[in-house]
Amino acid sequence: MSNDNLNDRPKPIFSKTIRPGGRVYYLDLYPPRNGGSPCLSICELRKDREGKPVKIRLYLYPEAVTEVRSSLEEIEEFLESYTPAPSEA
C-alpha cells in the first residue's frame, strides 16, 4: 500500500496549516515509528498541468529541524534587505 494512503498513516501528534500568498502548506508532526524519532512532514497540495492534485511532501527528522530553521532565518534576513537587480530591456 502507498505511504499516502490515509489508512496506513499514523495520526499526527501536532498539525498546523499555513496559507502564505494563496498557497496552502500542511505541517504535520508524526509520532516515532519502531522506537525512532518523530518526523515532520511538510506538504503542499498543488495542481499539475492537467489540473490533477499532486502532493509535494518533504520529511524532516529532528536532527535536521534546527539546521533548516536556522537556514530559513538566514533567508528571511536576506529577503528583508534584498533588492532585485533592474531587468535589462
Protein backbone atom coordinates (compact mmCIF):
# COMPACT_ATOMS: atom_id res chain seq x y z
CA MET A 1 0.00 0.00 0.00
CA SER A 2 1.09 3.57 -0.65
CA ASN A 3 2.59 5.79 2.06
CA ASP A 4 -0.01 8.39 1.11
CA ASN A 5 -2.90 6.04 1.93
CA LEU A 6 -4.63 7.65 4.91
CA ASN A 7 -5.39 4.24 6.44
CA ASP A 8 -1.65 3.39 6.56
CA ARG A 9 -0.53 6.65 8.17
CA PRO A 10 -0.47 7.24 11.91
CA LYS A 11 -2.35 10.30 13.14
CA PRO A 12 -0.15 13.40 13.58
CA ILE A 13 0.68 14.38 17.15
CA PHE A 14 0.76 18.05 16.04
CA SER A 15 -0.62 19.76 12.92
CA LYS A 16 -0.57 23.26 11.54
CA THR A 17 -1.88 24.64 8.25
CA ILE A 18 -0.41 27.85 6.86
CA ARG A 19 -1.65 29.86 3.88
CA PRO A 20 1.01 32.33 2.75
CA GLY A 21 0.34 34.09 -0.56
CA GLY A 22 -2.62 31.94 -1.52
CA ARG A 23 -0.71 28.66 -1.26
CA VAL A 24 -1.54 26.06 1.36
CA TYR A 25 1.06 24.12 3.33
CA TYR A 26 0.39 21.39 5.88
CA LEU A 27 2.91 20.83 8.68
CA ASP A 28 2.35 17.54 10.50
CA LEU A 29 4.48 16.01 13.22
CA TYR A 30 4.14 12.23 13.24
CA PRO A 31 4.94 10.00 16.23
CA PRO A 32 8.10 7.91 16.18
CA ARG A 33 7.99 4.55 14.43
CA ASN A 34 9.84 1.49 15.63
CA GLY A 35 11.48 3.36 18.51
CA GLY A 36 12.81 6.09 16.21
CA SER A 37 12.31 9.84 16.29
CA PRO A 38 9.24 11.90 15.42
CA CYS A 39 9.08 13.04 11.82
CA LEU A 40 7.97 16.44 10.49
CA SER A 41 6.09 16.28 7.20
CA ILE A 42 5.72 19.46 5.15
CA CYS A 43 3.17 19.02 2.38
CA GLU A 44 1.93 21.26 -0.40
CA LEU A 45 -1.08 20.24 -2.43
CA ARG A 46 -0.94 21.73 -5.91
CA LYS A 47 -2.39 21.02 -9.31
CA ASP A 48 -0.40 19.69 -12.24
CA ARG A 49 -0.76 20.97 -15.80
CA GLU A 50 -3.85 18.83 -16.33
CA GLY A 51 -5.44 20.20 -13.15
CA LYS A 52 -5.00 16.98 -11.14
CA PRO A 53 -3.99 17.40 -7.49
CA VAL A 54 -0.39 16.45 -6.70
CA LYS A 55 1.13 16.19 -3.22
CA ILE A 56 4.63 17.56 -2.77
CA ARG A 57 5.91 16.20 0.53
CA LEU A 58 9.16 16.68 2.43
CA TYR A 59 10.09 14.76 5.57
CA LEU A 60 12.41 16.22 8.21
CA TYR A 61 13.76 14.36 11.19
CA PRO A 62 14.64 16.10 14.49
CA GLU A 63 18.34 16.37 13.72
CA ALA A 64 17.54 18.43 10.60
CA VAL A 65 14.86 20.75 12.03
CA THR A 66 17.25 23.10 13.87
CA GLU A 67 19.54 23.47 10.86
CA VAL A 68 16.61 24.05 8.48
CA ARG A 69 15.13 26.62 10.87
CA SER A 70 18.45 28.44 11.10
CA SER A 71 18.74 28.46 7.30
CA LEU A 72 15.19 29.78 6.92
CA GLU A 73 16.02 32.60 9.36
CA GLU A 74 19.08 33.48 7.24
CA ILE A 75 16.91 33.50 4.12
CA GLU A 76 14.35 35.72 5.85
CA GLU A 77 17.08 38.20 6.87
CA PHE A 78 18.43 38.22 3.31
CA LEU A 79 14.97 38.83 1.84
CA GLU A 80 14.34 41.77 4.19
CA SER A 81 17.17 43.70 2.52
CA TYR A 82 17.02 42.13 -0.95
CA THR A 83 16.57 44.46 -3.88
CA PRO A 84 16.29 42.75 -7.27
CA ALA A 85 18.64 43.95 -9.98
CA PRO A 86 16.89 46.02 -12.63
CA SER A 87 15.96 43.86 -15.61
CA GLU A 88 17.69 44.62 -18.84
CA ALA A 89 15.39 45.82 -21.61
